[in-house]
Amino acid sequence: MIQLTKLNGKLFTLNALYIEVIESFPDTTITLTNGHKYVVREPEHEVNMKISSFYRDICVLSPEKRHGGSGE
């Protein structure tokens, strides 16, 4: 799960596993696999960093990427 901010300033938590598309229109718009859209204050690159961190936390990324080393 990642924490994001709606345009009105309210924080919410989104399950990043359901993100299908992230676009900047210039506002960052996140489309989920079910078609729901969320417009957030965070720039696209920050959302991508949060998603990568979430994936590492739940072990979706390889150990090399998780630990930043050679895996040994």
PDB file of N, CA and C in Angstrom:
ATOM      1  N   MET A   1       0.850  -1.173   0.000  1.00  0.00           N
ATOM      2  CA  MET A   1       0.000   0.000   0.000  1.00  0.00           C
ATOM      3  C   MET A   1       0.892   1.230   0.000  1.00  0.00           C
ATOM      4  N   ILE A   2       0.457   2.257  -0.716  1.00  0.00           N
ATOM      5  CA  ILE A   2       1.207   3.512  -0.748  1.00  0.00           C
ATOM      6  C   ILE A   2       0.295   4.646  -0.319  1.00  0.00           C
ATOM      7  N   GLN A   3       0.887   5.626   0.369  1.00  0.00           N
ATOM      8  CA  GLN A   3       0.105   6.768   0.827  1.00  0.00           C
ATOM      9  C   GLN A   3       0.286   7.912  -0.163  1.00  0.00           C
ATOM     10  N   LEU A   4      -0.842   8.490  -0.582  1.00  0.00           N
ATOM     11  CA  LEU A   4      -0.856   9.571  -1.562  1.00  0.00           C
ATOM     12  C   LEU A   4      -1.749  10.704  -1.059  1.00  0.00           C
ATOM     13  N   THR A   5      -1.705  11.838  -1.769  1.00  0.00           N
ATOM     14  CA  THR A   5      -2.481  13.006  -1.387  1.00  0.00           C
ATOM     15  C   THR A   5      -3.408  13.416  -2.520  1.00  0.00           C
ATOM     16  N   LYS A   6      -4.696  13.505  -2.226  1.00  0.00           N
ATOM     17  CA  LYS A   6      -5.644  14.009  -3.221  1.00  0.00           C
ATOM     18  C   LYS A   6      -5.404  15.497  -3.434  1.00  0.00           C
ATOM     19  N   LEU A   7      -5.953  16.051  -4.507  1.00  0.00           N
ATOM     20  CA  LEU A   7      -5.754  17.469  -4.792  1.00  0.00           C
ATOM     21  C   LEU A   7      -6.302  18.368  -3.689  1.00  0.00           C
ATOM     22  N   ASN A   8      -7.307  17.885  -2.930  1.00  0.00           N
ATOM     23  CA  ASN A   8      -7.883  18.682  -1.840  1.00  0.00           C
ATOM     24  C   ASN A   8      -7.064  18.589  -0.556  1.00  0.00           C
ATOM     25  N   GLY A   9      -5.933  17.864  -0.596  1.00  0.00           N
ATOM     26  CA  GLY A   9      -5.046  17.752   0.556  1.00  0.00           C
ATOM     27  C   GLY A   9      -5.288  16.555   1.448  1.00  0.00           C
ATOM     28  N   LYS A  10      -6.340  15.777   1.197  1.00  0.00           N
ATOM     29  CA  LYS A  10      -6.635  14.606   2.026  1.00  0.00           C
ATOM     30  C   LYS A  10      -5.713  13.455   1.649  1.00  0.00           C
ATOM     31  N   LEU A  11      -5.143  12.822   2.675  1.00  0.00           N
ATOM     32  CA  LEU A  11      -4.304  11.643   2.473  1.00  0.00           C
ATOM     33  C   LEU A  11      -5.169  10.403   2.302  1.00  0.00           C
ATOM     34  N   PHE A  12      -4.698   9.480   1.484  1.00  0.00           N
ATOM     35  CA  PHE A  12      -5.371   8.193   1.352  1.00  0.00           C
ATOM     36  C   PHE A  12      -4.335   7.137   1.017  1.00  0.00           C
ATOM     37  N   THR A  13      -4.698   5.887   1.227  1.00  0.00           N
ATOM     38  CA  THR A  13      -3.798   4.767   0.965  1.00  0.00           C
ATOM     39  C   THR A  13      -4.349   3.963  -0.199  1.00  0.00           C
ATOM     40  N   LEU A  14      -3.464   3.635  -1.136  1.00  0.00           N
ATOM     41  CA  LEU A  14      -3.856   2.938  -2.357  1.00  0.00           C
ATOM     42  C   LEU A  14      -3.051   1.649  -2.482  1.00  0.00           C
ATOM     43  N   ASN A  15      -3.718   0.571  -2.856  1.00  0.00           N
ATOM     44  CA  ASN A  15      -3.029  -0.692  -3.096  1.00  0.00           C
ATOM     45  C   ASN A  15      -2.357  -0.615  -4.466  1.00  0.00           C
ATOM     46  N   ALA A  16      -1.030  -0.500  -4.461  1.00  0.00           N
ATOM     47  CA  ALA A  16      -0.271  -0.302  -5.692  1.00  0.00           C
ATOM     48  C   ALA A  16      -0.325  -1.499  -6.638  1.00  0.00           C
ATOM     49  N   LEU A  17      -0.750  -2.658  -6.146  1.00  0.00           N
ATOM     50  CA  LEU A  17      -0.849  -3.830  -7.021  1.00  0.00           C
ATOM     51  C   LEU A  17      -1.924  -3.669  -8.089  1.00  0.00           C
ATOM     52  N   TYR A  18      -2.863  -2.755  -7.872  1.00  0.00           N
ATOM     53  CA  TYR A  18      -3.964  -2.565  -8.807  1.00  0.00           C
ATOM     54  C   TYR A  18      -3.754  -1.401  -9.764  1.00  0.00           C
ATOM     55  N   ILE A  19      -2.568  -0.776  -9.732  1.00  0.00           N
ATOM     56  CA  ILE A  19      -2.293   0.343 -10.642  1.00  0.00           C
ATOM     57  C   ILE A  19      -1.986  -0.200 -12.028  1.00  0.00           C
ATOM     58  N   GLU A  20      -2.694   0.349 -13.010  1.00  0.00           N
ATOM     59  CA  GLU A  20      -2.467  -0.051 -14.402  1.00  0.00           C
ATOM     60  C   GLU A  20      -1.674   1.013 -15.155  1.00  0.00           C
ATOM     61  N   VAL A  21      -2.052   2.299 -14.960  1.00  0.00           N
ATOM     62  CA  VAL A  21      -1.427   3.384 -15.706  1.00  0.00           C
ATOM     63  C   VAL A  21      -1.236   4.587 -14.789  1.00  0.00           C
ATOM     64  N   ILE A  22      -0.093   5.268 -14.953  1.00  0.00           N
ATOM     65  CA  ILE A  22       0.145   6.547 -14.283  1.00  0.00           C
ATOM     66  C   ILE A  22       0.478   7.549 -15.379  1.00  0.00           C
ATOM     67  N   GLU A  23      -0.244   8.684 -15.390  1.00  0.00           N
ATOM     68  CA  GLU A  23      -0.038   9.706 -16.409  1.00  0.00           C
ATOM     69  C   GLU A  23       0.034  11.074 -15.752  1.00  0.00           C
ATOM     70  N   SER A  24       0.693  12.003 -16.438  1.00  0.00           N
ATOM     71  CA  SER A  24       0.735  13.391 -15.986  1.00  0.00           C
ATOM     72  C   SER A  24       0.036  14.248 -17.035  1.00  0.00           C
ATOM     73  N   PHE A  25      -1.004  14.969 -16.607  1.00  0.00           N
ATOM     74  CA  PHE A  25      -1.818  15.740 -17.557  1.00  0.00           C
ATOM     75  C   PHE A  25      -1.775  17.249 -17.419  1.00  0.00           C
ATOM     76  N   PRO A  26      -1.245  18.029 -16.582  1.00  0.00           N
ATOM     77  CA  PRO A  26      -0.040  17.841 -15.802  1.00  0.00           C
ATOM     78  C   PRO A  26      -0.262  17.218 -14.440  1.00  0.00           C
ATOM     79  N   ASP A  27      -1.505  17.189 -13.921  1.00  0.00           N
ATOM     80  CA  ASP A  27      -1.721  16.522 -12.634  1.00  0.00           C
ATOM     81  C   ASP A  27      -1.505  15.027 -12.815  1.00  0.00           C
ATOM     82  N   THR A  28      -0.961  14.398 -11.797  1.00  0.00           N
ATOM     83  CA  THR A  28      -0.698  12.959 -11.853  1.00  0.00           C
ATOM     84  C   THR A  28      -2.017  12.212 -11.708  1.00  0.00           C
ATOM     85  N   THR A  29      -2.351  11.416 -12.703  1.00  0.00           N
ATOM     86  CA  THR A  29      -3.585  10.641 -12.720  1.00  0.00           C
ATOM     87  C   THR A  29      -3.235   9.162 -12.716  1.00  0.00           C
ATOM     88  N   ILE A  30      -3.799   8.447 -11.753  1.00  0.00           N
ATOM     89  CA  ILE A  30      -3.545   7.017 -11.605  1.00  0.00           C
ATOM     90  C   ILE A  30      -4.809   6.274 -11.997  1.00  0.00           C
ATOM     91  N   THR A  31      -4.684   5.339 -12.933  1.00  0.00           N
ATOM     92  CA  THR A  31      -5.813   4.506 -13.347  1.00  0.00           C
ATOM     93  C   THR A  31      -5.578   3.103 -12.831  1.00  0.00           C
ATOM     94  N   LEU A  32      -6.589   2.561 -12.149  1.00  0.00           N
ATOM     95  CA  LEU A  32      -6.496   1.201 -11.618  1.00  0.00           C
ATOM     96  C   LEU A  32      -7.010   0.198 -12.639  1.00  0.00           C
ATOM     97  N   THR A  33      -6.751  -1.072 -12.377  1.00  0.00           N
ATOM     98  CA  THR A  33      -7.185  -2.126 -13.283  1.00  0.00           C
ATOM     99  C   THR A  33      -8.703  -2.205 -13.408  1.00  0.00           C
ATOM    100  N   ASN A  34      -9.433  -1.672 -12.408  1.00  0.00           N
ATOM    101  CA  ASN A  34     -10.898  -1.690 -12.473  1.00  0.00           C
ATOM    102  C   ASN A  34     -11.467  -0.433 -13.140  1.00  0.00           C
ATOM    103  N   GLY A  35     -10.582   0.456 -13.624  1.00  0.00           N
ATOM    104  CA  GLY A  35     -11.018   1.659 -14.322  1.00  0.00           C
ATOM    105  C   GLY A  35     -11.147   2.897 -13.456  1.00  0.00           C
ATOM    106  N   HIS A  36     -11.097   2.748 -12.136  1.00  0.00           N
ATOM    107  CA  HIS A  36     -11.170   3.913 -11.254  1.00  0.00           C
ATOM    108  C   HIS A  36      -9.935   4.782 -11.449  1.00  0.00           C
ATOM    109  N   LYS A  37     -10.138   6.100 -11.380  1.00  0.00           N
ATOM    110  CA  LYS A  37      -9.036   7.044 -11.552  1.00  0.00           C
ATOM    111  C   LYS A  37      -8.881   7.883 -10.300  1.00  0.00           C
ATOM    112  N   TYR A  38      -7.627   8.176  -9.958  1.00  0.00           N
ATOM    113  CA  TYR A  38      -7.303   9.040  -8.827  1.00  0.00           C
ATOM    114  C   TYR A  38      -6.340  10.111  -9.321  1.00  0.00           C
ATOM    115  N   VAL A  39      -6.626  11.370  -8.985  1.00  0.00           N
ATOM    116  CA  VAL A  39      -5.727  12.474  -9.306  1.00  0.00           C
ATOM    117  C   VAL A  39      -5.046  12.863  -8.008  1.00  0.00           C
ATOM    118  N   VAL A  40      -3.712  12.891  -8.026  1.00  0.00           N
ATOM    119  CA  VAL A  40      -2.950  13.112  -6.795  1.00  0.00           C
ATOM    120  C   VAL A  40      -1.983  14.280  -6.960  1.00  0.00           C
ATOM    121  N   ARG A  41      -1.547  14.818  -5.805  1.00  0.00           N
ATOM    122  CA  ARG A  41      -0.597  15.937  -5.791  1.00  0.00           C
ATOM    123  C   ARG A  41       0.826  15.511  -6.122  1.00  0.00           C
ATOM    124  N   GLU A  42       1.190  14.284  -5.765  1.00  0.00           N
ATOM    125  CA  GLU A  42       2.562  13.824  -5.968  1.00  0.00           C
ATOM    126  C   GLU A  42       2.883  13.745  -7.460  1.00  0.00           C
ATOM    127  N   PRO A  43       4.113  14.147  -7.836  1.00  0.00           N
ATOM    128  CA  PRO A  43       4.515  13.991  -9.238  1.00  0.00           C
ATOM    129  C   PRO A  43       4.675  12.519  -9.601  1.00  0.00           C
ATOM    130  N   GLU A  44       4.608  12.227 -10.873  1.00  0.00           N
ATOM    131  CA  GLU A  44       4.655  10.841 -11.355  1.00  0.00           C
ATOM    132  C   GLU A  44       5.898  10.108 -10.870  1.00  0.00           C
ATOM    133  N   HIS A  45       7.065  10.745 -10.896  1.00  0.00           N
ATOM    134  CA  HIS A  45       8.295  10.057 -10.472  1.00  0.00           C
ATOM    135  C   HIS A  45       8.241   9.694  -8.986  1.00  0.00           C
ATOM    136  N   GLU A  46       7.588  10.512  -8.155  1.00  0.00           N
ATOM    137  CA  GLU A  46       7.469  10.184  -6.729  1.00  0.00           C
ATOM    138  C   GLU A  46       6.537   8.995  -6.512  1.00  0.00           C
ATOM    139  N   VAL A  47       5.454   8.943  -7.281  1.00  0.00           N
ATOM    140  CA  VAL A  47       4.534   7.800  -7.202  1.00  0.00           C
ATOM    141  C   VAL A  47       5.277   6.528  -7.606  1.00  0.00           C
ATOM    142  N   ASN A  48       6.072   6.617  -8.662  1.00  0.00           N
ATOM    143  CA  ASN A  48       6.848   5.449  -9.103  1.00  0.00           C
ATOM    144  C   ASN A  48       7.828   4.986  -8.035  1.00  0.00           C
ATOM    145  N   MET A  49       8.465   5.922  -7.338  1.00  0.00           N
ATOM    146  CA  MET A  49       9.385   5.559  -6.254  1.00  0.00           C
ATOM    147  C   MET A  49       8.630   4.867  -5.118  1.00  0.00           C
ATOM    148  N   LYS A  50       7.449   5.358  -4.781  1.00  0.00           N
ATOM    149  CA  LYS A  50       6.643   4.740  -3.720  1.00  0.00           C
ATOM    150  C   LYS A  50       6.227   3.328  -4.114  1.00  0.00           C
ATOM    151  N   ILE A  51       5.875   3.146  -5.374  1.00  0.00           N
ATOM    152  CA  ILE A  51       5.485   1.827  -5.861  1.00  0.00           C
ATOM    153  C   ILE A  51       6.663   0.866  -5.781  1.00  0.00           C
ATOM    154  N   SER A  52       7.849   1.302  -6.223  1.00  0.00           N
ATOM    155  CA  SER A  52       9.041   0.451  -6.170  1.00  0.00           C
ATOM    156  C   SER A  52       9.363   0.055  -4.739  1.00  0.00           C
ATOM    157  N   SER A  53       9.272   0.997  -3.822  1.00  0.00           N
ATOM    158  CA  SER A  53       9.528   0.707  -2.408  1.00  0.00           C
ATOM    159  C   SER A  53       8.524  -0.313  -1.871  1.00  0.00           C
ATOM    160  N   PHE A  54       7.251  -0.137  -2.235  1.00  0.00           N
ATOM    161  CA  PHE A  54       6.205  -1.076  -1.811  1.00  0.00           C
ATOM    162  C   PHE A  54       6.486  -2.473  -2.348  1.00  0.00           C
ATOM    163  N   TYR A  55       6.862  -2.569  -3.632  1.00  0.00           N
ATOM    164  CA  TYR A  55       7.158  -3.866  -4.229  1.00  0.00           C
ATOM    165  C   TYR A  55       8.343  -4.540  -3.534  1.00  0.00           C
ATOM    166  N   ARG A  56       9.380  -3.761  -3.192  1.00  0.00           N
ATOM    167  CA  ARG A  56      10.517  -4.329  -2.459  1.00  0.00           C
ATOM    168  C   ARG A  56      10.073  -4.830  -1.089  1.00  0.00           C
ATOM    169  N   ASP A  57       9.223  -4.050  -0.414  1.00  0.00           N
ATOM    170  CA  ASP A  57       8.756  -4.435   0.920  1.00  0.00           C
ATOM    171  C   ASP A  57       7.993  -5.754   0.912  1.00  0.00           C
ATOM    172  N   ILE A  58       7.258  -6.019  -0.152  1.00  0.00           N
ATOM    173  CA  ILE A  58       6.475  -7.258  -0.215  1.00  0.00           C
ATOM    174  C   ILE A  58       7.178  -8.335  -1.038  1.00  0.00           C
ATOM    175  N   CYS A  59       8.459  -8.087  -1.341  1.00  0.00           N
ATOM    176  CA  CYS A  59       9.325  -9.057  -2.035  1.00  0.00           C
ATOM    177  C   CYS A  59       8.869  -9.382  -3.455  1.00  0.00           C
ATOM    178  N   VAL A  60       8.340  -8.405  -4.165  1.00  0.00           N
ATOM    179  CA  VAL A  60       7.985  -8.603  -5.567  1.00  0.00           C
ATOM    180  C   VAL A  60       9.221  -8.407  -6.436  1.00  0.00           C
ATOM    181  N   LEU A  61      10.136  -7.524  -6.010  1.00  0.00           N
ATOM    182  CA  LEU A  61      11.376  -7.312  -6.748  1.00  0.00           C
ATOM    183  C   LEU A  61      12.425  -8.314  -6.282  1.00  0.00           C
ATOM    184  N   SER A  62      13.401  -8.570  -7.142  1.00  0.00           N
ATOM    185  CA  SER A  62      14.450  -9.544  -6.833  1.00  0.00           C
ATOM    186  C   SER A  62      15.295  -9.086  -5.649  1.00  0.00           C
ATOM    187  N   PRO A  63      15.975 -10.024  -4.972  1.00  0.00           N
ATOM    188  CA  PRO A  63      16.826  -9.666  -3.829  1.00  0.00           C
ATOM    189  C   PRO A  63      17.910  -8.655  -4.193  1.00  0.00           C
ATOM    190  N   GLU A  64      18.457  -8.726  -5.416  1.00  0.00           N
ATOM    191  CA  GLU A  64      19.490  -7.778  -5.826  1.00  0.00           C
ATOM    192  C   GLU A  64      18.951  -6.357  -5.776  1.00  0.00           C
ATOM    193  N   LYS A  65      17.768  -6.157  -6.283  1.00  0.00           N
ATOM    194  CA  LYS A  65      17.167  -4.822  -6.268  1.00  0.00           C
ATOM    195  C   LYS A  65      16.703  -4.451  -4.871  1.00  0.00           C
ATOM    196  N   ARG A  66      16.308  -5.434  -4.099  1.00  0.00           N
ATOM    197  CA  ARG A  66      15.818  -5.158  -2.754  1.00  0.00           C
ATOM    198  C   ARG A  66      16.939  -4.680  -1.851  1.00  0.00           C
ATOM    199  N   HIS A  67      18.122  -5.305  -1.939  1.00  0.00           N
ATOM    200  CA  HIS A  67      19.219  -4.985  -1.051  1.00  0.00           C
ATOM    201  C   HIS A  67      20.260  -4.101  -1.708  1.00  0.00           C
ATOM    202  N   GLY A  68      20.119  -3.864  -3.009  1.00  0.00           N
ATOM    203  CA  GLY A  68      21.052  -3.006  -3.709  1.00  0.00           C
ATOM    204  C   GLY A  68      22.418  -3.620  -3.922  1.00  0.00           C
ATOM    205  N   GLY A  69      22.546  -4.919  -3.730  1.00  0.00           N
ATOM    206  CA  GLY A  69      23.835  -5.583  -3.873  1.00  0.00           C
ATOM    207  C   GLY A  69      23.781  -6.672  -4.909  1.00  0.00           C
ATOM    208  N   SER A  70      24.731  -7.585  -4.785  1.00  0.00           N
ATOM    209  CA  SER A  70      24.842  -8.666  -5.751  1.00  0.00           C
ATOM    210  C   SER A  70      24.014  -9.882  -5.357  1.00  0.00           C
ATOM    211  N   GLY A  71      23.320  -9.810  -4.221  1.00  0.00           N
ATOM    212  CA  GLY A  71      22.489 -10.919  -3.801  1.00  0.00           C
ATOM    213  C   GLY A  71      23.208 -11.931  -2.942  1.00  0.00           C
ATOM    214  N   GLU A  72      24.488 -11.680  -2.656  1.00  0.00           N
ATOM    215  CA  GLU A  72      25.265 -12.619  -1.833  1.00  0.00           C
ATOM    216  C   GLU A  72      25.176 -12.268  -0.378  1.00  0.00           C
TER     217      GLU A  72
END
